[in-house]
Amino acid sequence: MRITSSVILLLAGMLAGIVLVLSCGDDSPGKADAATCDCPAAELPIAGRLKRFSNTRIVGPNSVSAEGAACPQGGLLVSGSCTNETSSGPDLTLQQSGFYADTDQGWGCWFKNNSAAPVTIKVTAICLMPGT
């Protein structure tokens, strides 16, 4: 009984292996052979299509201000960034960041300047632009 079940399992494994080799071998029709793929690319490569769009704003002393950066028509927002462009270390609080103007085409940042001097902030949207 044990030998019979072992032989049946061995034969089933061999049959499965043969089926896999025949279905994935080099003798497949040209349409299914990955080595001879001649179909057009679905989309252009991403390299060179990621673009940054930035805006700056001066936030006055002890005040709150917001700025945004948006992708141009046809662009797709990938990420956003909020940075301090002032060289000295001001007391600056990022209160909120996220999608700009209730759309998914830009990034907005809200800062509170807690220091006595003006601070320059920079908002950047990284966009995937359509290929040409």
N, C-alpha and C. Protein backbone atom coordinates (compact mmCIF):
# COMPACT_ATOMS: atom_id res chain seq x y z
N MET A 1 0.81 -1.19 0.00
CA MET A 1 0.00 0.00 0.00
C MET A 1 0.86 1.26 0.00
N ARG A 2 1.92 1.26 0.82
CA ARG A 2 2.81 2.43 0.88
C ARG A 2 3.54 2.63 -0.44
N ILE A 3 3.96 1.58 -1.05
CA ILE A 3 4.70 1.68 -2.31
C ILE A 3 3.77 2.19 -3.41
N THR A 4 2.54 1.73 -3.41
CA THR A 4 1.58 2.16 -4.43
C THR A 4 1.32 3.66 -4.33
N SER A 5 1.11 4.18 -3.13
CA SER A 5 0.86 5.62 -2.99
C SER A 5 2.11 6.43 -3.34
N SER A 6 3.29 5.91 -3.04
CA SER A 6 4.53 6.61 -3.39
C SER A 6 4.70 6.65 -4.90
N VAL A 7 4.38 5.58 -5.59
CA VAL A 7 4.51 5.54 -7.05
C VAL A 7 3.49 6.48 -7.68
N ILE A 8 2.29 6.53 -7.14
CA ILE A 8 1.26 7.44 -7.68
C ILE A 8 1.70 8.89 -7.50
N LEU A 9 2.24 9.24 -6.34
CA LEU A 9 2.73 10.61 -6.12
C LEU A 9 3.88 10.94 -7.05
N LEU A 10 4.78 10.00 -7.26
CA LEU A 10 5.91 10.21 -8.16
C LEU A 10 5.43 10.46 -9.58
N LEU A 11 4.49 9.64 -10.05
CA LEU A 11 3.96 9.81 -11.40
C LEU A 11 3.21 11.14 -11.55
N ALA A 12 2.47 11.54 -10.53
CA ALA A 12 1.75 12.82 -10.57
C ALA A 12 2.74 13.98 -10.63
N GLY A 13 3.81 13.90 -9.87
CA GLY A 13 4.83 14.94 -9.91
C GLY A 13 5.52 15.03 -11.25
N MET A 14 5.82 13.87 -11.84
CA MET A 14 6.45 13.85 -13.16
C MET A 14 5.52 14.45 -14.21
N LEU A 15 4.23 14.10 -14.15
CA LEU A 15 3.27 14.63 -15.10
C LEU A 15 3.15 16.15 -14.96
N ALA A 16 3.09 16.64 -13.74
CA ALA A 16 3.03 18.09 -13.52
C ALA A 16 4.28 18.78 -14.06
N GLY A 17 5.44 18.19 -13.86
CA GLY A 17 6.69 18.76 -14.38
C GLY A 17 6.71 18.80 -15.89
N ILE A 18 6.24 17.75 -16.53
CA ILE A 18 6.20 17.71 -17.99
C ILE A 18 5.26 18.77 -18.54
N VAL A 19 4.08 18.90 -17.91
CA VAL A 19 3.12 19.91 -18.35
C VAL A 19 3.70 21.32 -18.22
N LEU A 20 4.39 21.61 -17.12
CA LEU A 20 5.00 22.94 -16.92
C LEU A 20 6.09 23.20 -17.94
N VAL A 21 6.93 22.23 -18.21
CA VAL A 21 8.01 22.42 -19.17
C VAL A 21 7.45 22.67 -20.56
N LEU A 22 6.45 21.91 -20.95
CA LEU A 22 5.87 22.09 -22.28
C LEU A 22 5.14 23.42 -22.42
N SER A 23 4.51 23.88 -21.35
CA SER A 23 3.77 25.14 -21.45
C SER A 23 4.67 26.36 -21.40
N CYS A 24 5.87 26.25 -20.84
CA CYS A 24 6.77 27.40 -20.71
C CYS A 24 8.02 27.26 -21.56
N GLY A 25 8.13 26.29 -22.38
CA GLY A 25 9.34 26.05 -23.15
C GLY A 25 9.52 27.03 -24.29
N ASP A 26 10.64 26.90 -24.99
CA ASP A 26 10.96 27.77 -26.12
C ASP A 26 10.13 27.46 -27.35
N ASP A 27 9.41 26.37 -27.34
CA ASP A 27 8.61 26.00 -28.50
C ASP A 27 7.21 26.60 -28.45
N SER A 28 6.99 27.54 -27.54
CA SER A 28 5.68 28.18 -27.43
C SER A 28 5.43 29.04 -28.66
N PRO A 29 4.19 29.37 -28.96
CA PRO A 29 3.92 30.29 -30.07
C PRO A 29 4.57 31.65 -29.82
N GLY A 30 4.86 32.39 -30.87
CA GLY A 30 5.56 33.68 -30.75
C GLY A 30 4.86 34.68 -29.86
N LYS A 31 3.55 34.67 -29.80
CA LYS A 31 2.81 35.63 -28.99
C LYS A 31 3.06 35.42 -27.49
N ALA A 32 3.39 34.20 -27.10
CA ALA A 32 3.56 33.90 -25.68
C ALA A 32 5.01 33.84 -25.28
N ASP A 33 5.93 34.05 -26.20
CA ASP A 33 7.35 33.92 -25.90
C ASP A 33 7.92 35.27 -25.47
N ALA A 34 8.34 35.37 -24.22
CA ALA A 34 8.84 36.64 -23.68
C ALA A 34 10.12 37.10 -24.37
N ALA A 35 10.92 36.17 -24.89
CA ALA A 35 12.18 36.54 -25.53
C ALA A 35 11.96 37.29 -26.84
N THR A 36 10.82 37.13 -27.45
CA THR A 36 10.56 37.79 -28.73
C THR A 36 9.40 38.77 -28.62
N CYS A 37 9.27 39.42 -27.47
CA CYS A 37 8.18 40.39 -27.28
C CYS A 37 8.40 41.58 -28.20
N ASP A 38 7.47 41.80 -29.11
CA ASP A 38 7.58 42.91 -30.04
C ASP A 38 6.39 43.87 -29.90
N CYS A 39 5.74 43.81 -28.75
CA CYS A 39 4.59 44.70 -28.53
C CYS A 39 5.09 46.10 -28.18
N PRO A 40 4.32 47.14 -28.52
CA PRO A 40 4.75 48.51 -28.17
C PRO A 40 4.66 48.73 -26.67
N ALA A 41 5.50 49.62 -26.18
CA ALA A 41 5.50 49.94 -24.75
C ALA A 41 4.17 50.61 -24.39
N ALA A 42 3.63 50.26 -23.24
CA ALA A 42 2.36 50.83 -22.80
C ALA A 42 2.53 52.28 -22.38
N GLU A 43 3.70 52.64 -21.90
CA GLU A 43 3.95 53.99 -21.42
C GLU A 43 5.44 54.28 -21.54
N LEU A 44 5.78 55.54 -21.78
CA LEU A 44 7.18 55.92 -21.87
C LEU A 44 7.87 55.74 -20.52
N PRO A 45 9.18 55.55 -20.50
CA PRO A 45 9.90 55.41 -19.23
C PRO A 45 9.70 56.64 -18.34
N ILE A 46 9.78 56.41 -17.03
CA ILE A 46 9.54 57.49 -16.07
C ILE A 46 10.71 58.48 -16.03
N ALA A 47 11.91 58.00 -16.31
CA ALA A 47 13.09 58.87 -16.26
C ALA A 47 12.87 60.10 -17.13
N GLY A 48 13.08 61.25 -16.57
CA GLY A 48 12.92 62.51 -17.28
C GLY A 48 11.50 63.05 -17.24
N ARG A 49 10.55 62.28 -16.75
CA ARG A 49 9.16 62.73 -16.68
C ARG A 49 8.77 63.23 -15.30
N LEU A 50 9.61 62.98 -14.28
CA LEU A 50 9.35 63.51 -12.94
C LEU A 50 9.86 64.94 -12.88
N LYS A 51 8.98 65.87 -12.64
CA LYS A 51 9.34 67.30 -12.62
C LYS A 51 8.94 67.91 -11.28
N ARG A 52 9.71 68.91 -10.85
CA ARG A 52 9.42 69.64 -9.61
C ARG A 52 8.87 71.02 -9.95
N PHE A 53 7.81 71.39 -9.23
CA PHE A 53 7.22 72.72 -9.37
C PHE A 53 7.15 73.32 -7.97
N SER A 54 7.79 74.49 -7.77
CA SER A 54 7.92 75.07 -6.44
C SER A 54 7.43 76.51 -6.40
N ASN A 55 6.99 76.90 -5.21
CA ASN A 55 6.64 78.28 -4.90
C ASN A 55 7.20 78.62 -3.53
N THR A 56 7.55 79.88 -3.33
CA THR A 56 8.04 80.34 -2.02
C THR A 56 7.12 81.43 -1.49
N ARG A 57 7.19 81.62 -0.19
CA ARG A 57 6.40 82.67 0.47
C ARG A 57 7.16 83.11 1.72
N ILE A 58 7.05 84.38 2.03
CA ILE A 58 7.63 84.90 3.27
C ILE A 58 6.53 84.91 4.32
N VAL A 59 6.81 84.27 5.45
CA VAL A 59 5.89 84.25 6.58
C VAL A 59 6.38 85.30 7.57
N GLY A 60 5.56 86.27 7.84
CA GLY A 60 5.94 87.36 8.74
C GLY A 60 6.14 86.89 10.17
N PRO A 61 6.76 87.73 11.00
CA PRO A 61 6.99 87.39 12.39
C PRO A 61 5.68 87.11 13.13
N ASN A 62 5.69 86.08 13.93
CA ASN A 62 4.53 85.71 14.76
C ASN A 62 3.22 85.63 13.97
N SER A 63 3.27 85.05 12.80
CA SER A 63 2.06 84.94 11.99
C SER A 63 1.98 83.57 11.31
N VAL A 64 0.82 83.30 10.73
CA VAL A 64 0.56 82.04 10.04
C VAL A 64 0.35 82.35 8.56
N SER A 65 0.89 81.50 7.70
CA SER A 65 0.71 81.69 6.26
C SER A 65 0.76 80.33 5.57
N ALA A 66 0.15 80.28 4.39
CA ALA A 66 0.12 79.05 3.61
C ALA A 66 0.59 79.32 2.19
N GLU A 67 1.08 78.28 1.58
CA GLU A 67 1.51 78.34 0.17
C GLU A 67 1.26 76.98 -0.45
N GLY A 68 1.14 76.96 -1.77
CA GLY A 68 0.92 75.70 -2.47
C GLY A 68 1.70 75.67 -3.77
N ALA A 69 1.87 74.46 -4.28
CA ALA A 69 2.49 74.24 -5.58
C ALA A 69 1.66 73.18 -6.29
N ALA A 70 1.34 73.42 -7.55
CA ALA A 70 0.46 72.52 -8.28
C ALA A 70 1.12 71.98 -9.54
N CYS A 71 0.66 70.81 -9.96
CA CYS A 71 1.10 70.22 -11.22
C CYS A 71 0.37 70.93 -12.36
N PRO A 72 1.04 71.12 -13.50
CA PRO A 72 0.35 71.71 -14.64
C PRO A 72 -0.66 70.71 -15.22
N GLN A 73 -1.48 71.19 -16.12
CA GLN A 73 -2.50 70.35 -16.76
C GLN A 73 -1.86 69.08 -17.33
N GLY A 74 -2.43 67.94 -17.02
CA GLY A 74 -1.91 66.67 -17.51
C GLY A 74 -0.92 66.00 -16.59
N GLY A 75 -0.40 66.73 -15.60
CA GLY A 75 0.55 66.16 -14.65
C GLY A 75 -0.16 65.40 -13.55
N LEU A 76 0.54 64.45 -12.97
CA LEU A 76 -0.01 63.65 -11.88
C LEU A 76 0.86 63.85 -10.65
N LEU A 77 0.26 64.32 -9.55
CA LEU A 77 1.01 64.56 -8.32
C LEU A 77 1.53 63.24 -7.76
N VAL A 78 2.84 63.18 -7.49
CA VAL A 78 3.47 62.00 -6.92
C VAL A 78 3.75 62.23 -5.44
N SER A 79 4.25 63.43 -5.11
CA SER A 79 4.61 63.73 -3.73
C SER A 79 4.69 65.24 -3.56
N GLY A 80 4.82 65.66 -2.31
CA GLY A 80 4.96 67.07 -2.01
C GLY A 80 5.95 67.28 -0.89
N SER A 81 6.41 68.54 -0.76
CA SER A 81 7.43 68.85 0.24
C SER A 81 7.21 70.25 0.78
N CYS A 82 7.49 70.44 2.07
CA CYS A 82 7.42 71.73 2.74
C CYS A 82 8.77 71.96 3.40
N THR A 83 9.46 73.03 3.04
CA THR A 83 10.79 73.27 3.60
C THR A 83 10.96 74.72 4.02
N ASN A 84 11.94 74.94 4.88
CA ASN A 84 12.35 76.26 5.35
C ASN A 84 13.52 76.70 4.49
N GLU A 85 13.41 77.83 3.84
CA GLU A 85 14.47 78.34 2.99
C GLU A 85 15.35 79.37 3.69
N THR A 86 15.04 79.71 4.93
CA THR A 86 15.83 80.68 5.68
C THR A 86 17.04 79.98 6.26
N SER A 87 18.21 80.59 6.12
CA SER A 87 19.44 79.93 6.54
C SER A 87 19.56 79.80 8.06
N SER A 88 19.09 80.80 8.79
CA SER A 88 19.18 80.70 10.24
C SER A 88 18.08 79.77 10.74
N GLY A 89 18.19 79.32 11.99
CA GLY A 89 17.24 78.38 12.55
C GLY A 89 16.07 79.05 13.23
N PRO A 90 15.05 79.47 12.49
CA PRO A 90 13.91 80.14 13.12
C PRO A 90 13.03 79.14 13.86
N ASP A 91 12.18 79.67 14.72
CA ASP A 91 11.19 78.86 15.43
C ASP A 91 9.97 78.78 14.52
N LEU A 92 9.90 77.72 13.74
CA LEU A 92 8.88 77.57 12.71
C LEU A 92 8.13 76.27 12.93
N THR A 93 6.79 76.31 12.83
CA THR A 93 5.97 75.12 13.03
C THR A 93 5.19 74.83 11.76
N LEU A 94 5.32 73.60 11.25
CA LEU A 94 4.48 73.16 10.14
C LEU A 94 3.16 72.71 10.75
N GLN A 95 2.10 73.46 10.47
CA GLN A 95 0.80 73.14 11.07
C GLN A 95 0.04 72.09 10.28
N GLN A 96 0.18 72.12 8.97
CA GLN A 96 -0.55 71.17 8.15
C GLN A 96 0.09 71.10 6.77
N SER A 97 0.04 69.93 6.17
CA SER A 97 0.47 69.79 4.78
C SER A 97 -0.41 68.72 4.13
N GLY A 98 -0.62 68.86 2.85
CA GLY A 98 -1.45 67.89 2.15
C GLY A 98 -1.90 68.40 0.80
N PHE A 99 -2.93 67.75 0.26
CA PHE A 99 -3.42 68.13 -1.06
C PHE A 99 -3.84 69.59 -1.07
N TYR A 100 -3.55 70.25 -2.15
CA TYR A 100 -3.78 71.67 -2.31
C TYR A 100 -5.15 71.94 -2.92
N ALA A 101 -5.91 72.79 -2.30
CA ALA A 101 -7.20 73.29 -2.81
C ALA A 101 -8.18 72.16 -3.14
N ASP A 102 -8.23 71.16 -2.27
CA ASP A 102 -9.18 70.04 -2.42
C ASP A 102 -9.06 69.30 -3.74
N THR A 103 -7.89 69.30 -4.33
CA THR A 103 -7.66 68.52 -5.54
C THR A 103 -6.46 67.62 -5.30
N ASP A 104 -6.23 66.74 -6.21
CA ASP A 104 -5.06 65.88 -6.08
C ASP A 104 -3.96 66.31 -7.06
N GLN A 105 -4.00 67.57 -7.48
CA GLN A 105 -3.02 68.05 -8.45
C GLN A 105 -1.94 68.95 -7.84
N GLY A 106 -1.97 69.18 -6.54
CA GLY A 106 -0.97 70.05 -5.94
C GLY A 106 -0.80 69.77 -4.46
N TRP A 107 0.18 70.44 -3.86
CA TRP A 107 0.53 70.23 -2.46
C TRP A 107 0.51 71.57 -1.75
N GLY A 108 -0.06 71.60 -0.55
CA GLY A 108 -0.12 72.83 0.23
C GLY A 108 0.52 72.67 1.59
N CYS A 109 1.06 73.77 2.13
CA CYS A 109 1.73 73.76 3.43
C CYS A 109 1.29 74.99 4.22
N TRP A 110 0.98 74.79 5.51
CA TRP A 110 0.58 75.86 6.41
C TRP A 110 1.62 75.94 7.52
N PHE A 111 2.28 77.11 7.64
CA PHE A 111 3.33 77.31 8.63
C PHE A 111 2.92 78.38 9.63
N LYS A 112 3.43 78.25 10.86
CA LYS A 112 3.34 79.30 11.87
C LYS A 112 4.75 79.71 12.22
N ASN A 113 5.04 80.98 12.03
CA ASN A 113 6.34 81.53 12.36
C ASN A 113 6.28 82.05 13.80
N ASN A 114 6.97 81.40 14.70
CA ASN A 114 6.98 81.78 16.12
C ASN A 114 8.12 82.73 16.46
N SER A 115 8.93 83.09 15.49
CA SER A 115 10.09 83.95 15.76
C SER A 115 9.77 85.40 15.44
N ALA A 116 10.71 86.27 15.78
CA ALA A 116 10.52 87.71 15.60
C ALA A 116 11.00 88.21 14.24
N ALA A 117 11.47 87.31 13.39
CA ALA A 117 11.96 87.70 12.06
C ALA A 117 11.17 86.95 10.99
N PRO A 118 11.07 87.53 9.80
CA PRO A 118 10.37 86.84 8.72
C PRO A 118 11.13 85.58 8.28
N VAL A 119 10.38 84.61 7.78
CA VAL A 119 10.95 83.33 7.36
C VAL A 119 10.43 83.01 5.95
N THR A 120 11.30 82.51 5.10
CA THR A 120 10.91 82.10 3.76
C THR A 120 10.68 80.60 3.74
N ILE A 121 9.48 80.20 3.26
CA ILE A 121 9.17 78.78 3.14
C ILE A 121 9.09 78.42 1.66
N LYS A 122 9.29 77.16 1.37
CA LYS A 122 9.23 76.66 0.00
C LYS A 122 8.33 75.43 -0.04
N VAL A 123 7.39 75.43 -0.99
CA VAL A 123 6.49 74.29 -1.19
C VAL A 123 6.80 73.71 -2.58
N THR A 124 6.97 72.40 -2.63
CA THR A 124 7.30 71.74 -3.89
C THR A 124 6.33 70.60 -4.16
N ALA A 125 5.87 70.52 -5.39
CA ALA A 125 5.07 69.40 -5.87
C ALA A 125 5.92 68.62 -6.86
N ILE A 126 6.02 67.31 -6.68
CA ILE A 126 6.73 66.46 -7.64
C ILE A 126 5.65 65.80 -8.48
N CYS A 127 5.74 66.01 -9.80
CA CYS A 127 4.68 65.58 -10.71
C CYS A 127 5.24 64.65 -11.79
N LEU A 128 4.44 63.65 -12.14
CA LEU A 128 4.75 62.79 -13.28
C LEU A 128 4.04 63.38 -14.48
N MET A 129 4.84 63.82 -15.45
CA MET A 129 4.28 64.49 -16.61
C MET A 129 4.03 63.46 -17.73
N PRO A 130 3.04 63.72 -18.57
CA PRO A 130 2.76 62.78 -19.65
C PRO A 130 3.93 62.73 -20.64
N GLY A 131 4.11 61.58 -21.23
CA GLY A 131 5.19 61.42 -22.23
C GLY A 131 4.78 62.00 -23.57
N THR A 132 5.77 62.46 -24.29
CA THR A 132 5.50 63.01 -25.63
C THR A 132 6.27 62.26 -26.67
